[in-house]
Amino acid sequence: MTRVYCQECGYRNTAEGKYCSKCGALLPEADAGSETTIRFSPEADEEPDTAEVGEITSEGVSLVVRSGGGMAGESFSPQKDETTIGRHPDSDIFLDDITVSRRHALLIHKSGGYFIQDRGSLNGTYVNRVRVETQKLSDGDQLQIGKYKLTFIER
């Protein structure tokens, strides 16, 4: 029997399925031939970090893009209690890549600090290489949303 491995979690699935039985990710076709697929996971550090923390001079909170989509070095300073992150053009932080869901995550400001909340995205939201649903953020935390790697900075 032919098996297909999930490119997101590595689970071994039967070739008949289109989605991973464990995590729900879309499976590659068994007869894809020489076609290659790039896996974007927290374990893969193919791109070097190109932005330095010292470049941020503003006070408050920032999300700095470390790698992904040619946006390395760009920073976003949330101005609202809820900042939307996703591939939808109306997102407060617009990450234009197919690995990012249209409404991927929310950055929420509460009295206890800042929290990242996944909004049911296919590829998930990671904090310090751990997939999370909701997580309080601390200065220096590394986020991964699709192929984008960002650093949370609090000054």
C-alpha atoms as a PDB file:
ATOM      1  CA  MET A   1       0.000   0.000   0.000  1.00  0.00           C
ATOM      2  CA  THR A   2       1.339   3.434  -0.934  1.00  0.00           C
ATOM      3  CA  ARG A   3       1.847   5.898   1.912  1.00  0.00           C
ATOM      4  CA  VAL A   4       2.010   9.692   1.751  1.00  0.00           C
ATOM      5  CA  TYR A   5       3.774  11.659   4.459  1.00  0.00           C
ATOM      6  CA  CYS A   6       2.263  14.936   5.650  1.00  0.00           C
ATOM      7  CA  GLN A   7       4.584  17.846   4.915  1.00  0.00           C
ATOM      8  CA  GLU A   8       3.364  19.700   8.007  1.00  0.00           C
ATOM      9  CA  CYS A   9       3.542  17.117  10.797  1.00  0.00           C
ATOM     10  CA  GLY A  10       5.217  14.085   9.168  1.00  0.00           C
ATOM     11  CA  TYR A  11       2.309  11.716   9.830  1.00  0.00           C
ATOM     12  CA  ARG A  12       2.116   8.686   7.500  1.00  0.00           C
ATOM     13  CA  ASN A  13      -1.243   8.667   5.659  1.00  0.00           C
ATOM     14  CA  THR A  14      -2.767   6.347   3.071  1.00  0.00           C
ATOM     15  CA  ALA A  15      -2.515   7.530  -0.530  1.00  0.00           C
ATOM     16  CA  GLU A  16      -6.313   7.745  -0.896  1.00  0.00           C
ATOM     17  CA  GLY A  17      -6.675  10.737   1.434  1.00  0.00           C
ATOM     18  CA  LYS A  18      -6.367  14.365   0.409  1.00  0.00           C
ATOM     19  CA  TYR A  19      -5.867  15.707   3.930  1.00  0.00           C
ATOM     20  CA  CYS A  20      -3.667  14.555   6.814  1.00  0.00           C
ATOM     21  CA  SER A  21      -5.520  12.367   9.305  1.00  0.00           C
ATOM     22  CA  LYS A  22      -3.565  13.907  12.187  1.00  0.00           C
ATOM     23  CA  CYS A  23      -3.331  17.669  11.495  1.00  0.00           C
ATOM     24  CA  GLY A  24      -5.683  18.267   8.539  1.00  0.00           C
ATOM     25  CA  ALA A  25      -3.022  19.721   6.207  1.00  0.00           C
ATOM     26  CA  LEU A  26      -3.408  19.208   2.464  1.00  0.00           C
ATOM     27  CA  LEU A  27      -1.362  16.184   1.386  1.00  0.00           C
ATOM     28  CA  PRO A  28       0.870  16.148  -1.708  1.00  0.00           C
ATOM     29  CA  GLU A  29      -0.365  14.004  -4.563  1.00  0.00           C
ATOM     30  CA  ALA A  30       1.210  10.533  -4.585  1.00  0.00           C
ATOM     31  CA  ASP A  31       1.992  10.761  -8.312  1.00  0.00           C
ATOM     32  CA  ALA A  32       3.465  14.262  -8.240  1.00  0.00           C
ATOM     33  CA  GLY A  33       6.562  12.998 -10.092  1.00  0.00           C
ATOM     34  CA  SER A  34       9.526  15.340 -10.081  1.00  0.00           C
ATOM     35  CA  GLU A  35       7.527  18.262  -8.737  1.00  0.00           C
ATOM     36  CA  THR A  36       9.008  19.605  -5.512  1.00  0.00           C
ATOM     37  CA  THR A  37       7.292  21.257  -2.600  1.00  0.00           C
ATOM     38  CA  ILE A  38       8.896  23.528  -0.049  1.00  0.00           C
ATOM     39  CA  ARG A  39       7.993  22.789   3.549  1.00  0.00           C
ATOM     40  CA  PHE A  40       7.636  25.737   5.882  1.00  0.00           C
ATOM     41  CA  SER A  41       7.981  24.598   9.457  1.00  0.00           C
ATOM     42  CA  PRO A  42       9.502  26.014  12.632  1.00  0.00           C
ATOM     43  CA  GLU A  43      12.353  23.504  12.424  1.00  0.00           C
ATOM     44  CA  ALA A  44      13.527  24.765   9.015  1.00  0.00           C
ATOM     45  CA  ASP A  45      15.863  27.761   9.215  1.00  0.00           C
ATOM     46  CA  GLU A  46      16.815  28.054   5.562  1.00  0.00           C
ATOM     47  CA  GLU A  47      16.925  31.847   5.460  1.00  0.00           C
ATOM     48  CA  PRO A  48      19.326  33.728   7.732  1.00  0.00           C
ATOM     49  CA  ASP A  49      18.028  36.438  10.042  1.00  0.00           C
ATOM     50  CA  THR A  50      18.782  39.680   8.242  1.00  0.00           C
ATOM     51  CA  ALA A  51      17.184  42.319  10.464  1.00  0.00           C
ATOM     52  CA  GLU A  52      18.834  43.427  13.682  1.00  0.00           C
ATOM     53  CA  VAL A  53      16.931  44.347  16.834  1.00  0.00           C
ATOM     54  CA  GLY A  54      18.983  47.536  17.077  1.00  0.00           C
ATOM     55  CA  GLU A  55      17.241  48.909  13.975  1.00  0.00           C
ATOM     56  CA  ILE A  56      14.012  49.483  15.922  1.00  0.00           C
ATOM     57  CA  THR A  57      14.037  52.901  17.517  1.00  0.00           C
ATOM     58  CA  SER A  58      10.363  53.383  18.366  1.00  0.00           C
ATOM     59  CA  GLU A  59       9.010  52.863  21.869  1.00  0.00           C
ATOM     60  CA  GLY A  60       6.299  50.319  22.565  1.00  0.00           C
ATOM     61  CA  VAL A  61       5.619  47.041  20.793  1.00  0.00           C
ATOM     62  CA  SER A  62       6.816  45.956  17.352  1.00  0.00           C
ATOM     63  CA  LEU A  63       6.719  42.839  15.220  1.00  0.00           C
ATOM     64  CA  VAL A  64       9.878  42.683  13.095  1.00  0.00           C
ATOM     65  CA  VAL A  65       9.994  40.422  10.043  1.00  0.00           C
ATOM     66  CA  ARG A  66      13.199  38.350  10.187  1.00  0.00           C
ATOM     67  CA  SER A  67      12.655  36.386   6.982  1.00  0.00           C
ATOM     68  CA  GLY A  68      10.024  35.547   4.430  1.00  0.00           C
ATOM     69  CA  GLY A  69       8.493  37.078   1.352  1.00  0.00           C
ATOM     70  CA  GLY A  70      11.227  39.636   0.772  1.00  0.00           C
ATOM     71  CA  MET A  71      10.016  41.596   3.797  1.00  0.00           C
ATOM     72  CA  ALA A  72      13.014  41.032   6.096  1.00  0.00           C
ATOM     73  CA  GLY A  73      13.645  44.082   8.254  1.00  0.00           C
ATOM     74  CA  GLU A  74      10.121  45.505   8.002  1.00  0.00           C
ATOM     75  CA  SER A  75       8.470  46.241  11.324  1.00  0.00           C
ATOM     76  CA  PHE A  76       4.871  46.682  12.378  1.00  0.00           C
ATOM     77  CA  SER A  77       3.739  48.606  15.464  1.00  0.00           C
ATOM     78  CA  PRO A  78       0.204  47.615  16.481  1.00  0.00           C
ATOM     79  CA  GLN A  79      -2.021  50.633  17.119  1.00  0.00           C
ATOM     80  CA  LYS A  80      -5.212  48.845  18.218  1.00  0.00           C
ATOM     81  CA  ASP A  81      -6.253  46.369  20.911  1.00  0.00           C
ATOM     82  CA  GLU A  82      -6.753  43.749  18.171  1.00  0.00           C
ATOM     83  CA  THR A  83      -4.378  43.659  15.198  1.00  0.00           C
ATOM     84  CA  THR A  84      -5.300  41.273  12.390  1.00  0.00           C
ATOM     85  CA  ILE A  85      -2.565  39.264  10.667  1.00  0.00           C
ATOM     86  CA  GLY A  86      -3.135  37.448   7.388  1.00  0.00           C
ATOM     87  CA  ARG A  87      -3.197  37.275   3.617  1.00  0.00           C
ATOM     88  CA  HIS A  88      -6.449  39.236   3.296  1.00  0.00           C
ATOM     89  CA  PRO A  89      -5.739  42.728   1.898  1.00  0.00           C
ATOM     90  CA  ASP A  90      -7.704  44.303   4.773  1.00  0.00           C
ATOM     91  CA  SER A  91      -5.392  42.742   7.397  1.00  0.00           C
ATOM     92  CA  ASP A  92      -3.548  45.195   9.635  1.00  0.00           C
ATOM     93  CA  ILE A  93      -0.384  43.149   9.018  1.00  0.00           C
ATOM     94  CA  PHE A  94      -0.608  41.907   5.438  1.00  0.00           C
ATOM     95  CA  LEU A  95       1.594  38.873   4.715  1.00  0.00           C
ATOM     96  CA  ASP A  96       1.176  38.080   1.028  1.00  0.00           C
ATOM     97  CA  ASP A  97       2.011  34.409   0.611  1.00  0.00           C
ATOM     98  CA  ILE A  98      -0.033  31.254   0.036  1.00  0.00           C
ATOM     99  CA  THR A  99       1.375  29.713   3.258  1.00  0.00           C
ATOM    100  CA  VAL A 100      -0.519  32.371   5.250  1.00  0.00           C
ATOM    101  CA  SER A 101      -4.286  32.038   5.727  1.00  0.00           C
ATOM    102  CA  ARG A 102      -6.461  35.010   4.795  1.00  0.00           C
ATOM    103  CA  ARG A 103      -7.381  35.544   8.438  1.00  0.00           C
ATOM    104  CA  HIS A 104      -4.436  33.794  10.068  1.00  0.00           C
ATOM    105  CA  ALA A 105      -3.972  35.285  13.552  1.00  0.00           C
ATOM    106  CA  LEU A 106      -4.781  38.121  15.928  1.00  0.00           C
ATOM    107  CA  LEU A 107      -2.372  40.126  18.061  1.00  0.00           C
ATOM    108  CA  ILE A 108      -4.436  41.065  21.111  1.00  0.00           C
ATOM    109  CA  HIS A 109      -3.540  43.715  23.695  1.00  0.00           C
ATOM    110  CA  LYS A 110      -5.023  43.095  27.144  1.00  0.00           C
ATOM    111  CA  SER A 111      -4.176  44.485  30.554  1.00  0.00           C
ATOM    112  CA  GLY A 112      -1.863  41.497  31.115  1.00  0.00           C
ATOM    113  CA  GLY A 113       0.178  42.161  27.972  1.00  0.00           C
ATOM    114  CA  TYR A 114       0.115  41.023  24.343  1.00  0.00           C
ATOM    115  CA  PHE A 115      -1.248  37.685  23.160  1.00  0.00           C
ATOM    116  CA  ILE A 116      -1.124  35.947  19.781  1.00  0.00           C
ATOM    117  CA  GLN A 117      -4.214  33.938  18.826  1.00  0.00           C
ATOM    118  CA  ASP A 118      -4.451  31.596  15.858  1.00  0.00           C
ATOM    119  CA  ARG A 119      -7.726  31.965  13.957  1.00  0.00           C
ATOM    120  CA  GLY A 120      -8.018  28.393  12.700  1.00  0.00           C
ATOM    121  CA  SER A 121      -5.270  28.715  10.097  1.00  0.00           C
ATOM    122  CA  LEU A 122      -4.232  25.668   8.073  1.00  0.00           C
ATOM    123  CA  ASN A 123      -0.465  26.007   8.689  1.00  0.00           C
ATOM    124  CA  GLY A 124      -0.795  27.151  12.299  1.00  0.00           C
ATOM    125  CA  THR A 125       0.844  29.871  14.350  1.00  0.00           C
ATOM    126  CA  TYR A 126       4.080  29.122  16.175  1.00  0.00           C
ATOM    127  CA  VAL A 127       5.748  30.850  19.125  1.00  0.00           C
ATOM    128  CA  ASN A 128       9.332  29.795  19.756  1.00  0.00           C
ATOM    129  CA  ARG A 129       8.822  26.799  17.428  1.00  0.00           C
ATOM    130  CA  VAL A 130       5.779  25.492  19.307  1.00  0.00           C
ATOM    131  CA  ARG A 131       2.364  25.509  17.635  1.00  0.00           C
ATOM    132  CA  VAL A 132      -0.089  27.537  19.725  1.00  0.00           C
ATOM    133  CA  GLU A 133      -3.756  28.483  19.751  1.00  0.00           C
ATOM    134  CA  THR A 134      -3.318  31.408  22.170  1.00  0.00           C
ATOM    135  CA  GLN A 135      -0.044  32.448  23.787  1.00  0.00           C
ATOM    136  CA  LYS A 136       1.106  35.417  25.859  1.00  0.00           C
ATOM    137  CA  LEU A 137       4.091  37.059  24.178  1.00  0.00           C
ATOM    138  CA  SER A 138       7.290  38.185  25.864  1.00  0.00           C
ATOM    139  CA  ASP A 139      10.065  40.408  24.540  1.00  0.00           C
ATOM    140  CA  GLY A 140      12.175  38.470  22.027  1.00  0.00           C
ATOM    141  CA  ASP A 141       9.630  35.741  21.260  1.00  0.00           C
ATOM    142  CA  GLN A 142       9.977  34.280  17.756  1.00  0.00           C
ATOM    143  CA  LEU A 143       6.732  33.899  15.783  1.00  0.00           C
ATOM    144  CA  GLN A 144       6.215  31.932  12.609  1.00  0.00           C
ATOM    145  CA  ILE A 145       3.189  32.595  10.445  1.00  0.00           C
ATOM    146  CA  GLY A 146       3.395  30.614   7.221  1.00  0.00           C
ATOM    147  CA  LYS A 147       6.885  31.149   5.865  1.00  0.00           C
ATOM    148  CA  TYR A 148       7.274  34.463   7.694  1.00  0.00           C
ATOM    149  CA  LYS A 149       9.444  34.567  10.810  1.00  0.00           C
ATOM    150  CA  LEU A 150       8.882  37.542  13.070  1.00  0.00           C
ATOM    151  CA  THR A 151      10.259  38.731  16.396  1.00  0.00           C
ATOM    152  CA  PHE A 152       8.073  40.329  19.061  1.00  0.00           C
ATOM    153  CA  ILE A 153       9.836  43.327  20.591  1.00  0.00           C
ATOM    154  CA  GLU A 154       8.601  45.239  23.627  1.00  0.00           C
ATOM    155  CA  ARG A 155      10.429  48.471  24.594  1.00  0.00           C
END
